[in-house]
Structures are given as C-alpha cells and as structure tokens.
All heavy atoms as atom14 arrays in JSON, in Angstrom:
{
  "sequence": "CDTTELSGGGEGELHLEHERVKTQLSTSLYIGLKLSTDLEAVKSDLD",
  "atom14_mask": [
    [1, 1, 1, 1, 1, 1, 0, 0, 0, 0, 0, 0, 0, 0],
    [1, 1, 1, 1, 1, 1, 1, 1, 0, 0, 0, 0, 0, 0],
    [1, 1, 1, 1, 1, 1, 1, 0, 0, 0, 0, 0, 0, 0],
    [1, 1, 1, 1, 1, 1, 1, 0, 0, 0, 0, 0, 0, 0],
    [1, 1, 1, 1, 1, 1, 1, 1, 1, 0, 0, 0, 0, 0],
    [1, 1, 1, 1, 1, 1, 1, 1, 0, 0, 0, 0, 0, 0],
    [1, 1, 1, 1, 1, 1, 0, 0, 0, 0, 0, 0, 0, 0],
    [1, 1, 1, 1, 0, 0, 0, 0, 0, 0, 0, 0, 0, 0],
    [1, 1, 1, 1, 0, 0, 0, 0, 0, 0, 0, 0, 0, 0],
    [1, 1, 1, 1, 0, 0, 0, 0, 0, 0, 0, 0, 0, 0],
    [1, 1, 1, 1, 1, 1, 1, 1, 1, 0, 0, 0, 0, 0],
    [1, 1, 1, 1, 0, 0, 0, 0, 0, 0, 0, 0, 0, 0],
    [1, 1, 1, 1, 1, 1, 1, 1, 1, 0, 0, 0, 0, 0],
    [1, 1, 1, 1, 1, 1, 1, 1, 0, 0, 0, 0, 0, 0],
    [1, 1, 1, 1, 1, 1, 1, 1, 1, 1, 0, 0, 0, 0],
    [1, 1, 1, 1, 1, 1, 1, 1, 0, 0, 0, 0, 0, 0],
    [1, 1, 1, 1, 1, 1, 1, 1, 1, 0, 0, 0, 0, 0],
    [1, 1, 1, 1, 1, 1, 1, 1, 1, 1, 0, 0, 0, 0],
    [1, 1, 1, 1, 1, 1, 1, 1, 1, 0, 0, 0, 0, 0],
    [1, 1, 1, 1, 1, 1, 1, 1, 1, 1, 1, 0, 0, 0],
    [1, 1, 1, 1, 1, 1, 1, 0, 0, 0, 0, 0, 0, 0],
    [1, 1, 1, 1, 1, 1, 1, 1, 1, 0, 0, 0, 0, 0],
    [1, 1, 1, 1, 1, 1, 1, 0, 0, 0, 0, 0, 0, 0],
    [1, 1, 1, 1, 1, 1, 1, 1, 1, 0, 0, 0, 0, 0],
    [1, 1, 1, 1, 1, 1, 1, 1, 0, 0, 0, 0, 0, 0],
    [1, 1, 1, 1, 1, 1, 0, 0, 0, 0, 0, 0, 0, 0],
    [1, 1, 1, 1, 1, 1, 1, 0, 0, 0, 0, 0, 0, 0],
    [1, 1, 1, 1, 1, 1, 0, 0, 0, 0, 0, 0, 0, 0],
    [1, 1, 1, 1, 1, 1, 1, 1, 0, 0, 0, 0, 0, 0],
    [1, 1, 1, 1, 1, 1, 1, 1, 1, 1, 1, 1, 0, 0],
    [1, 1, 1, 1, 1, 1, 1, 1, 0, 0, 0, 0, 0, 0],
    [1, 1, 1, 1, 0, 0, 0, 0, 0, 0, 0, 0, 0, 0],
    [1, 1, 1, 1, 1, 1, 1, 1, 0, 0, 0, 0, 0, 0],
    [1, 1, 1, 1, 1, 1, 1, 1, 1, 0, 0, 0, 0, 0],
    [1, 1, 1, 1, 1, 1, 1, 1, 0, 0, 0, 0, 0, 0],
    [1, 1, 1, 1, 1, 1, 0, 0, 0, 0, 0, 0, 0, 0],
    [1, 1, 1, 1, 1, 1, 1, 0, 0, 0, 0, 0, 0, 0],
    [1, 1, 1, 1, 1, 1, 1, 1, 0, 0, 0, 0, 0, 0],
    [1, 1, 1, 1, 1, 1, 1, 1, 0, 0, 0, 0, 0, 0],
    [1, 1, 1, 1, 1, 1, 1, 1, 1, 0, 0, 0, 0, 0],
    [1, 1, 1, 1, 1, 0, 0, 0, 0, 0, 0, 0, 0, 0],
    [1, 1, 1, 1, 1, 1, 1, 0, 0, 0, 0, 0, 0, 0],
    [1, 1, 1, 1, 1, 1, 1, 1, 1, 0, 0, 0, 0, 0],
    [1, 1, 1, 1, 1, 1, 0, 0, 0, 0, 0, 0, 0, 0],
    [1, 1, 1, 1, 1, 1, 1, 1, 0, 0, 0, 0, 0, 0],
    [1, 1, 1, 1, 1, 1, 1, 1, 0, 0, 0, 0, 0, 0],
    [1, 1, 1, 1, 1, 1, 1, 1, 0, 0, 0, 0, 0, 0]
  ],
  "atom14_positions": [
    [[-60.19, 6.55, 53.76], [-61.25, 5.7, 54.27], [-62.22, 5.3, 53.19], [-63.18, 4.48, 53.4], [-62.05, 6.54, 55.3], [-61.04, 6.91, 56.72], [0.0, 0.0, 0.0], [0.0, 0.0, 0.0], [0.0, 0.0, 0.0], [0.0, 0.0, 0.0], [0.0, 0.0, 0.0], [0.0, 0.0, 0.0], [0.0, 0.0, 0.0], [0.0, 0.0, 0.0]],
    [[-62.19, 5.83, 52.03], [-63.08, 5.47, 50.96], [-62.59, 4.26, 50.09], [-63.39, 3.78, 49.28], [-63.3, 6.62, 49.99], [-64.04, 7.75, 50.7], [-64.81, 7.47, 51.66], [-63.81, 8.96, 50.37], [0.0, 0.0, 0.0], [0.0, 0.0, 0.0], [0.0, 0.0, 0.0], [0.0, 0.0, 0.0], [0.0, 0.0, 0.0], [0.0, 0.0, 0.0]],
    [[-61.37, 3.85, 50.28], [-60.86, 2.74, 49.58], [-61.1, 1.47, 50.26], [-61.22, 1.43, 51.43], [-59.35, 2.9, 49.23], [-58.68, 2.81, 50.5], [-59.05, 4.13, 48.56], [0.0, 0.0, 0.0], [0.0, 0.0, 0.0], [0.0, 0.0, 0.0], [0.0, 0.0, 0.0], [0.0, 0.0, 0.0], [0.0, 0.0, 0.0], [0.0, 0.0, 0.0]],
    [[-61.18, 0.35, 49.44], [-61.36, -0.91, 50.11], [-60.22, -1.89, 49.87], [-60.32, -3.05, 50.27], [-62.73, -1.56, 49.59], [-62.66, -1.65, 48.1], [-63.94, -0.77, 49.93], [0.0, 0.0, 0.0], [0.0, 0.0, 0.0], [0.0, 0.0, 0.0], [0.0, 0.0, 0.0], [0.0, 0.0, 0.0], [0.0, 0.0, 0.0], [0.0, 0.0, 0.0]],
    [[-59.21, -1.41, 49.11], [-58.1, -2.32, 48.84], [-57.12, -2.19, 50.13], [-56.88, -1.09, 50.51], [-57.37, -1.91, 47.62], [-58.21, -2.19, 46.36], [-57.47, -1.84, 45.05], [-56.39, -1.21, 45.19], [-57.99, -2.19, 44.02], [0.0, 0.0, 0.0], [0.0, 0.0, 0.0], [0.0, 0.0, 0.0], [0.0, 0.0, 0.0], [0.0, 0.0, 0.0]],
    [[-56.54, -3.28, 50.4], [-55.57, -3.26, 51.48], [-54.27, -3.87, 50.9], [-54.22, -4.83, 50.05], [-56.03, -4.16, 52.63], [-57.22, -3.67, 53.4], [-57.73, -4.71, 54.36], [-56.96, -2.36, 54.04], [0.0, 0.0, 0.0], [0.0, 0.0, 0.0], [0.0, 0.0, 0.0], [0.0, 0.0, 0.0], [0.0, 0.0, 0.0], [0.0, 0.0, 0.0]],
    [[-53.14, -3.41, 51.39], [-51.87, -3.98, 50.98], [-51.35, -4.95, 52.15], [-51.14, -4.47, 53.25], [-50.88, -2.94, 50.69], [-50.64, -2.11, 51.79], [0.0, 0.0, 0.0], [0.0, 0.0, 0.0], [0.0, 0.0, 0.0], [0.0, 0.0, 0.0], [0.0, 0.0, 0.0], [0.0, 0.0, 0.0], [0.0, 0.0, 0.0], [0.0, 0.0, 0.0]],
    [[-51.16, -6.17, 51.71], [-50.65, -7.1, 52.73], [-51.81, -7.63, 53.67], [-52.91, -7.36, 53.53], [0.0, 0.0, 0.0], [0.0, 0.0, 0.0], [0.0, 0.0, 0.0], [0.0, 0.0, 0.0], [0.0, 0.0, 0.0], [0.0, 0.0, 0.0], [0.0, 0.0, 0.0], [0.0, 0.0, 0.0], [0.0, 0.0, 0.0], [0.0, 0.0, 0.0]],
    [[-51.35, -8.46, 54.65], [-52.33, -8.94, 55.67], [-52.08, -8.4, 56.94], [-51.34, -7.46, 57.2], [0.0, 0.0, 0.0], [0.0, 0.0, 0.0], [0.0, 0.0, 0.0], [0.0, 0.0, 0.0], [0.0, 0.0, 0.0], [0.0, 0.0, 0.0], [0.0, 0.0, 0.0], [0.0, 0.0, 0.0], [0.0, 0.0, 0.0], [0.0, 0.0, 0.0]],
    [[-52.77, -9.02, 57.93], [-52.45, -8.55, 59.34], [-53.79, -8.33, 60.05], [-54.81, -7.95, 59.42], [0.0, 0.0, 0.0], [0.0, 0.0, 0.0], [0.0, 0.0, 0.0], [0.0, 0.0, 0.0], [0.0, 0.0, 0.0], [0.0, 0.0, 0.0], [0.0, 0.0, 0.0], [0.0, 0.0, 0.0], [0.0, 0.0, 0.0], [0.0, 0.0, 0.0]],
    [[-53.69, -8.37, 61.38], [-54.84, -8.22, 62.21], [-55.38, -6.73, 62.13], [-56.6, -6.52, 62.03], [-54.51, -8.52, 63.65], [-55.6, -8.72, 64.6], [-56.35, -9.98, 64.35], [-55.84, -10.93, 63.84], [-57.53, -9.97, 64.76], [0.0, 0.0, 0.0], [0.0, 0.0, 0.0], [0.0, 0.0, 0.0], [0.0, 0.0, 0.0], [0.0, 0.0, 0.0]],
    [[-54.49, -5.71, 62.11], [-54.9, -4.36, 62.05], [-55.63, -4.0, 60.75], [-56.56, -3.21, 60.75], [0.0, 0.0, 0.0], [0.0, 0.0, 0.0], [0.0, 0.0, 0.0], [0.0, 0.0, 0.0], [0.0, 0.0, 0.0], [0.0, 0.0, 0.0], [0.0, 0.0, 0.0], [0.0, 0.0, 0.0], [0.0, 0.0, 0.0], [0.0, 0.0, 0.0]],
    [[-55.1, -4.56, 59.67], [-55.76, -4.25, 58.42], [-57.05, -4.92, 58.27], [-58.01, -4.32, 57.64], [-54.83, -4.67, 57.25], [-53.67, -3.75, 57.2], [-52.59, -4.13, 56.04], [-52.84, -5.16, 55.43], [-51.58, -3.37, 55.95], [0.0, 0.0, 0.0], [0.0, 0.0, 0.0], [0.0, 0.0, 0.0], [0.0, 0.0, 0.0], [0.0, 0.0, 0.0]],
    [[-57.2, -6.16, 58.88], [-58.52, -6.79, 58.87], [-59.52, -5.96, 59.68], [-60.61, -5.77, 59.23], [-58.41, -8.2, 59.43], [-59.61, -9.08, 59.43], [-60.07, -9.25, 58.03], [-59.33, -10.43, 60.02], [0.0, 0.0, 0.0], [0.0, 0.0, 0.0], [0.0, 0.0, 0.0], [0.0, 0.0, 0.0], [0.0, 0.0, 0.0], [0.0, 0.0, 0.0]],
    [[-59.11, -5.39, 60.8], [-59.9, -4.56, 61.64], [-60.25, -3.25, 60.84], [-61.4, -2.83, 60.84], [-59.2, -4.11, 62.96], [-60.06, -3.26, 63.76], [-61.17, -3.66, 64.45], [-59.86, -1.98, 64.07], [-61.69, -2.75, 65.12], [-60.89, -1.62, 64.92], [0.0, 0.0, 0.0], [0.0, 0.0, 0.0], [0.0, 0.0, 0.0], [0.0, 0.0, 0.0]],
    [[-59.36, -2.73, 60.05], [-59.56, -1.56, 59.24], [-60.62, -1.83, 58.16], [-61.59, -1.03, 57.96], [-58.24, -1.05, 58.58], [-58.39, 0.2, 57.75], [-58.9, 1.38, 58.56], [-56.97, 0.52, 57.13], [0.0, 0.0, 0.0], [0.0, 0.0, 0.0], [0.0, 0.0, 0.0], [0.0, 0.0, 0.0], [0.0, 0.0, 0.0], [0.0, 0.0, 0.0]],
    [[-60.46, -2.98, 57.57], [-61.45, -3.39, 56.52], [-62.83, -3.55, 57.14], [-63.83, -3.14, 56.57], [-60.97, -4.67, 55.81], [-61.94, -5.19, 54.76], [-61.96, -4.3, 53.58], [-61.19, -3.42, 53.35], [-63.0, -4.44, 52.8], [0.0, 0.0, 0.0], [0.0, 0.0, 0.0], [0.0, 0.0, 0.0], [0.0, 0.0, 0.0], [0.0, 0.0, 0.0]],
    [[-62.85, -4.15, 58.3], [-64.16, -4.32, 59.03], [-64.78, -3.01, 59.25], [-65.99, -2.79, 59.09], [-63.89, -5.09, 60.29], [-65.09, -5.3, 61.13], [-66.14, -6.16, 60.85], [-65.49, -4.64, 62.31], [-67.03, -6.03, 61.8], [-66.73, -5.12, 62.66], [0.0, 0.0, 0.0], [0.0, 0.0, 0.0], [0.0, 0.0, 0.0], [0.0, 0.0, 0.0]],
    [[-63.96, -2.02, 59.75], [-64.41, -0.73, 59.99], [-64.97, 0.03, 58.74], [-65.92, 0.75, 58.77], [-63.39, 0.19, 60.73], [-63.2, -0.29, 62.2], [-64.46, -0.17, 63.09], [-65.12, 0.88, 62.92], [-64.66, -1.09, 63.83], [0.0, 0.0, 0.0], [0.0, 0.0, 0.0], [0.0, 0.0, 0.0], [0.0, 0.0, 0.0], [0.0, 0.0, 0.0]],
    [[-64.25, -0.17, 57.65], [-64.62, 0.41, 56.35], [-65.99, -0.08, 55.93], [-66.88, 0.65, 55.53], [-63.58, 0.11, 55.29], [-62.37, 0.97, 55.36], [-61.48, 0.67, 54.25], [-60.2, 1.28, 54.44], [-59.04, 0.88, 53.97], [-58.98, -0.33, 53.44], [-57.91, 1.51, 54.22], [0.0, 0.0, 0.0], [0.0, 0.0, 0.0], [0.0, 0.0, 0.0]],
    [[-66.21, -1.41, 56.03], [-67.45, -2.03, 55.65], [-68.59, -1.48, 56.58], [-69.64, -1.16, 56.12], [-67.4, -3.52, 55.76], [-68.76, -4.18, 55.59], [-66.47, -4.04, 54.66], [0.0, 0.0, 0.0], [0.0, 0.0, 0.0], [0.0, 0.0, 0.0], [0.0, 0.0, 0.0], [0.0, 0.0, 0.0], [0.0, 0.0, 0.0], [0.0, 0.0, 0.0]],
    [[-68.27, -1.4, 57.83], [-69.27, -0.8, 58.78], [-69.62, 0.68, 58.42], [-70.85, 1.04, 58.52], [-68.74, -0.79, 60.21], [-68.95, -2.15, 60.97], [-68.35, -2.2, 62.32], [-68.76, -1.12, 63.21], [-68.09, -1.24, 64.63], [0.0, 0.0, 0.0], [0.0, 0.0, 0.0], [0.0, 0.0, 0.0], [0.0, 0.0, 0.0], [0.0, 0.0, 0.0]],
    [[-68.61, 1.42, 58.09], [-68.85, 2.82, 57.62], [-69.68, 2.9, 56.39], [-70.62, 3.62, 56.34], [-67.51, 3.5, 57.39], [-66.73, 3.53, 58.66], [-67.67, 5.01, 56.96], [0.0, 0.0, 0.0], [0.0, 0.0, 0.0], [0.0, 0.0, 0.0], [0.0, 0.0, 0.0], [0.0, 0.0, 0.0], [0.0, 0.0, 0.0], [0.0, 0.0, 0.0]],
    [[-69.28, 1.93, 55.38], [-70.17, 1.92, 54.18], [-71.59, 1.59, 54.38], [-72.54, 2.19, 53.91], [-69.49, 1.05, 53.16], [-68.18, 1.54, 52.58], [-67.43, 0.52, 51.71], [-67.8, -0.62, 51.8], [-66.38, 1.02, 51.09], [0.0, 0.0, 0.0], [0.0, 0.0, 0.0], [0.0, 0.0, 0.0], [0.0, 0.0, 0.0], [0.0, 0.0, 0.0]],
    [[-71.79, 0.56, 55.26], [-73.17, 0.15, 55.61], [-73.9, 1.23, 56.37], [-75.09, 1.55, 56.01], [-73.14, -1.14, 56.43], [-72.78, -2.4, 55.75], [-72.63, -3.61, 56.71], [-73.87, -2.76, 54.66], [0.0, 0.0, 0.0], [0.0, 0.0, 0.0], [0.0, 0.0, 0.0], [0.0, 0.0, 0.0], [0.0, 0.0, 0.0], [0.0, 0.0, 0.0]],
    [[-73.24, 1.91, 57.28], [-73.86, 2.92, 58.0], [-74.14, 4.13, 57.13], [-75.29, 4.75, 57.18], [-72.92, 3.39, 59.11], [-73.43, 4.43, 59.88], [0.0, 0.0, 0.0], [0.0, 0.0, 0.0], [0.0, 0.0, 0.0], [0.0, 0.0, 0.0], [0.0, 0.0, 0.0], [0.0, 0.0, 0.0], [0.0, 0.0, 0.0], [0.0, 0.0, 0.0]],
    [[-73.22, 4.44, 56.18], [-73.55, 5.49, 55.21], [-74.71, 5.14, 54.29], [-75.63, 5.94, 54.17], [-72.26, 5.75, 54.29], [-71.25, 6.05, 55.16], [-72.58, 6.83, 53.36], [0.0, 0.0, 0.0], [0.0, 0.0, 0.0], [0.0, 0.0, 0.0], [0.0, 0.0, 0.0], [0.0, 0.0, 0.0], [0.0, 0.0, 0.0], [0.0, 0.0, 0.0]],
    [[-74.78, 3.92, 53.86], [-75.91, 3.54, 53.07], [-77.2, 3.51, 53.81], [-78.23, 4.02, 53.23], [-75.67, 2.09, 52.55], [-74.6, 2.01, 51.7], [0.0, 0.0, 0.0], [0.0, 0.0, 0.0], [0.0, 0.0, 0.0], [0.0, 0.0, 0.0], [0.0, 0.0, 0.0], [0.0, 0.0, 0.0], [0.0, 0.0, 0.0], [0.0, 0.0, 0.0]],
    [[-77.26, 3.06, 55.0], [-78.37, 3.19, 55.85], [-78.85, 4.67, 56.1], [-79.97, 4.97, 55.86], [-78.21, 2.58, 57.18], [-79.29, 2.67, 58.24], [-80.57, 1.94, 57.76], [-78.9, 2.07, 59.59], [0.0, 0.0, 0.0], [0.0, 0.0, 0.0], [0.0, 0.0, 0.0], [0.0, 0.0, 0.0], [0.0, 0.0, 0.0], [0.0, 0.0, 0.0]],
    [[-77.87, 5.57, 56.32], [-78.16, 6.92, 56.52], [-78.86, 7.57, 55.25], [-79.81, 8.23, 55.36], [-76.94, 7.7, 56.9], [-77.06, 9.18, 56.94], [-77.69, 9.82, 58.08], [-76.7, 10.0, 55.87], [-77.75, 11.16, 58.12], [-76.84, 11.34, 55.9], [-77.41, 11.89, 57.02], [-77.6, 13.27, 57.07], [0.0, 0.0, 0.0], [0.0, 0.0, 0.0]],
    [[-78.25, 7.25, 54.08], [-78.69, 7.75, 52.81], [-80.11, 7.18, 52.51], [-80.99, 7.93, 52.2], [-77.76, 7.42, 51.68], [-76.43, 8.21, 51.84], [-78.37, 7.65, 50.35], [-75.23, 7.71, 50.96], [0.0, 0.0, 0.0], [0.0, 0.0, 0.0], [0.0, 0.0, 0.0], [0.0, 0.0, 0.0], [0.0, 0.0, 0.0], [0.0, 0.0, 0.0]],
    [[-80.31, 5.94, 52.82], [-81.61, 5.32, 52.6], [-82.67, 5.94, 53.53], [-83.79, 6.25, 52.99], [0.0, 0.0, 0.0], [0.0, 0.0, 0.0], [0.0, 0.0, 0.0], [0.0, 0.0, 0.0], [0.0, 0.0, 0.0], [0.0, 0.0, 0.0], [0.0, 0.0, 0.0], [0.0, 0.0, 0.0], [0.0, 0.0, 0.0], [0.0, 0.0, 0.0]],
    [[-82.34, 6.23, 54.79], [-83.26, 6.85, 55.63], [-83.55, 8.27, 55.19], [-84.65, 8.75, 55.26], [-82.78, 6.79, 57.12], [-82.71, 5.45, 57.74], [-82.08, 5.49, 59.11], [-84.22, 4.92, 57.91], [0.0, 0.0, 0.0], [0.0, 0.0, 0.0], [0.0, 0.0, 0.0], [0.0, 0.0, 0.0], [0.0, 0.0, 0.0], [0.0, 0.0, 0.0]],
    [[-82.53, 9.05, 54.75], [-82.65, 10.33, 54.32], [-83.54, 10.37, 53.02], [-84.41, 11.24, 52.97], [-81.29, 10.92, 53.97], [-81.35, 12.32, 53.37], [-81.79, 13.33, 54.42], [-81.74, 14.73, 53.82], [-83.07, 15.31, 53.55], [0.0, 0.0, 0.0], [0.0, 0.0, 0.0], [0.0, 0.0, 0.0], [0.0, 0.0, 0.0], [0.0, 0.0, 0.0]],
    [[-83.33, 9.44, 52.1], [-84.18, 9.45, 50.95], [-85.64, 9.13, 51.29], [-86.55, 9.73, 50.73], [-83.65, 8.43, 49.96], [-82.39, 8.77, 49.2], [-81.84, 7.56, 48.42], [-82.5, 10.0, 48.36], [0.0, 0.0, 0.0], [0.0, 0.0, 0.0], [0.0, 0.0, 0.0], [0.0, 0.0, 0.0], [0.0, 0.0, 0.0], [0.0, 0.0, 0.0]],
    [[-85.81, 8.26, 52.2], [-87.19, 7.91, 52.64], [-87.86, 9.11, 53.28], [-88.99, 9.38, 53.0], [-87.12, 6.71, 53.61], [-88.47, 6.5, 54.13], [0.0, 0.0, 0.0], [0.0, 0.0, 0.0], [0.0, 0.0, 0.0], [0.0, 0.0, 0.0], [0.0, 0.0, 0.0], [0.0, 0.0, 0.0], [0.0, 0.0, 0.0], [0.0, 0.0, 0.0]],
    [[-87.1, 9.78, 54.13], [-87.71, 11.0, 54.75], [-88.03, 12.06, 53.72], [-89.04, 12.77, 53.74], [-86.63, 11.53, 55.83], [-86.41, 10.62, 56.68], [-87.17, 12.82, 56.43], [0.0, 0.0, 0.0], [0.0, 0.0, 0.0], [0.0, 0.0, 0.0], [0.0, 0.0, 0.0], [0.0, 0.0, 0.0], [0.0, 0.0, 0.0], [0.0, 0.0, 0.0]],
    [[-87.09, 12.27, 52.74], [-87.3, 13.27, 51.72], [-88.52, 12.87, 50.88], [-89.29, 13.76, 50.56], [-86.07, 13.39, 50.81], [-84.84, 14.03, 51.46], [-85.06, 14.6, 52.55], [-83.77, 13.98, 50.84], [0.0, 0.0, 0.0], [0.0, 0.0, 0.0], [0.0, 0.0, 0.0], [0.0, 0.0, 0.0], [0.0, 0.0, 0.0], [0.0, 0.0, 0.0]],
    [[-88.65, 11.56, 50.57], [-89.84, 11.12, 49.8], [-91.14, 11.42, 50.52], [-92.08, 11.9, 49.98], [-89.69, 9.66, 49.47], [-90.84, 9.06, 48.68], [-90.93, 9.68, 47.36], [-90.62, 7.52, 48.5], [0.0, 0.0, 0.0], [0.0, 0.0, 0.0], [0.0, 0.0, 0.0], [0.0, 0.0, 0.0], [0.0, 0.0, 0.0], [0.0, 0.0, 0.0]],
    [[-91.17, 11.11, 51.84], [-92.36, 11.38, 52.62], [-92.68, 12.88, 52.65], [-93.86, 13.28, 52.58], [-92.17, 10.88, 54.05], [-92.25, 9.37, 54.15], [-93.5, 8.73, 53.55], [-94.64, 9.27, 53.79], [-93.37, 7.81, 52.78], [0.0, 0.0, 0.0], [0.0, 0.0, 0.0], [0.0, 0.0, 0.0], [0.0, 0.0, 0.0], [0.0, 0.0, 0.0]],
    [[-91.62, 13.77, 52.79], [-91.81, 15.17, 52.73], [-92.41, 15.63, 51.39], [-93.36, 16.5, 51.37], [-90.5, 15.9, 53.06], [0.0, 0.0, 0.0], [0.0, 0.0, 0.0], [0.0, 0.0, 0.0], [0.0, 0.0, 0.0], [0.0, 0.0, 0.0], [0.0, 0.0, 0.0], [0.0, 0.0, 0.0], [0.0, 0.0, 0.0], [0.0, 0.0, 0.0]],
    [[-91.87, 15.09, 50.3], [-92.35, 15.49, 49.02], [-93.78, 14.99, 48.76], [-94.65, 15.75, 48.29], [-91.42, 14.89, 47.91], [-92.11, 15.0, 46.55], [-90.07, 15.6, 47.86], [0.0, 0.0, 0.0], [0.0, 0.0, 0.0], [0.0, 0.0, 0.0], [0.0, 0.0, 0.0], [0.0, 0.0, 0.0], [0.0, 0.0, 0.0], [0.0, 0.0, 0.0]],
    [[-94.12, 13.82, 49.24], [-95.49, 13.36, 49.18], [-96.46, 14.3, 49.99], [-97.5, 14.6, 49.49], [-95.62, 11.95, 49.75], [-95.12, 10.85, 48.79], [-95.28, 9.46, 49.49], [-94.77, 8.3, 48.58], [-94.9, 7.04, 49.26], [0.0, 0.0, 0.0], [0.0, 0.0, 0.0], [0.0, 0.0, 0.0], [0.0, 0.0, 0.0], [0.0, 0.0, 0.0]],
    [[-96.01, 14.66, 51.16], [-96.79, 15.57, 51.96], [-97.03, 16.9, 51.28], [-98.12, 17.38, 51.21], [-96.18, 15.71, 53.36], [-96.81, 16.68, 54.14], [0.0, 0.0, 0.0], [0.0, 0.0, 0.0], [0.0, 0.0, 0.0], [0.0, 0.0, 0.0], [0.0, 0.0, 0.0], [0.0, 0.0, 0.0], [0.0, 0.0, 0.0], [0.0, 0.0, 0.0]],
    [[-95.88, 17.45, 50.7], [-95.97, 18.71, 49.99], [-96.89, 18.6, 48.79], [-97.73, 19.52, 48.56], [-94.61, 19.25, 49.56], [-93.77, 19.66, 50.7], [-94.33, 19.87, 51.84], [-92.58, 19.87, 50.52], [0.0, 0.0, 0.0], [0.0, 0.0, 0.0], [0.0, 0.0, 0.0], [0.0, 0.0, 0.0], [0.0, 0.0, 0.0], [0.0, 0.0, 0.0]],
    [[-96.83, 17.51, 48.07], [-97.63, 17.26, 46.9], [-99.14, 17.19, 47.35], [-99.98, 17.81, 46.68], [-97.27, 15.97, 46.19], [-97.97, 15.63, 44.93], [-97.81, 16.74, 43.89], [-97.5, 14.29, 44.36], [0.0, 0.0, 0.0], [0.0, 0.0, 0.0], [0.0, 0.0, 0.0], [0.0, 0.0, 0.0], [0.0, 0.0, 0.0], [0.0, 0.0, 0.0]],
    [[-99.44, 16.42, 48.4], [-100.81, 16.37, 48.88], [-101.36, 17.69, 49.25], [-102.53, 18.12, 48.88], [-100.92, 15.4, 50.09], [-100.67, 13.98, 49.65], [-100.75, 13.66, 48.44], [-100.46, 13.1, 50.59], [0.0, 0.0, 0.0], [0.0, 0.0, 0.0], [0.0, 0.0, 0.0], [0.0, 0.0, 0.0], [0.0, 0.0, 0.0], [0.0, 0.0, 0.0]]
  ]
}
C-alpha cells in the first residue's frame, strides 16, 4: 500500500491508485493535525 507504481492499466488498478492517493492525503492530514495538536500542547506547557 505504500508504493505508487502500478504495472499495466485497467479499471481496478486505477481505483487502487485512487485509494492510495486518498490514503496518503488522509495520512498527511492526520499527521498535520497531530503536529498542530502537539504544538499547542507544547505552547501550553511552556506558558
């Protein structure tokens, strides 16, 4: 699931690529939200 290369064409592989991109975007969003939450917690602790 971590690779983005596909061998050959086809409807199933296009759907798989679409799902991989969705997973990567979802992961990036999750990480961004986590970093933001961590930053706010650190700021609060520092204050």
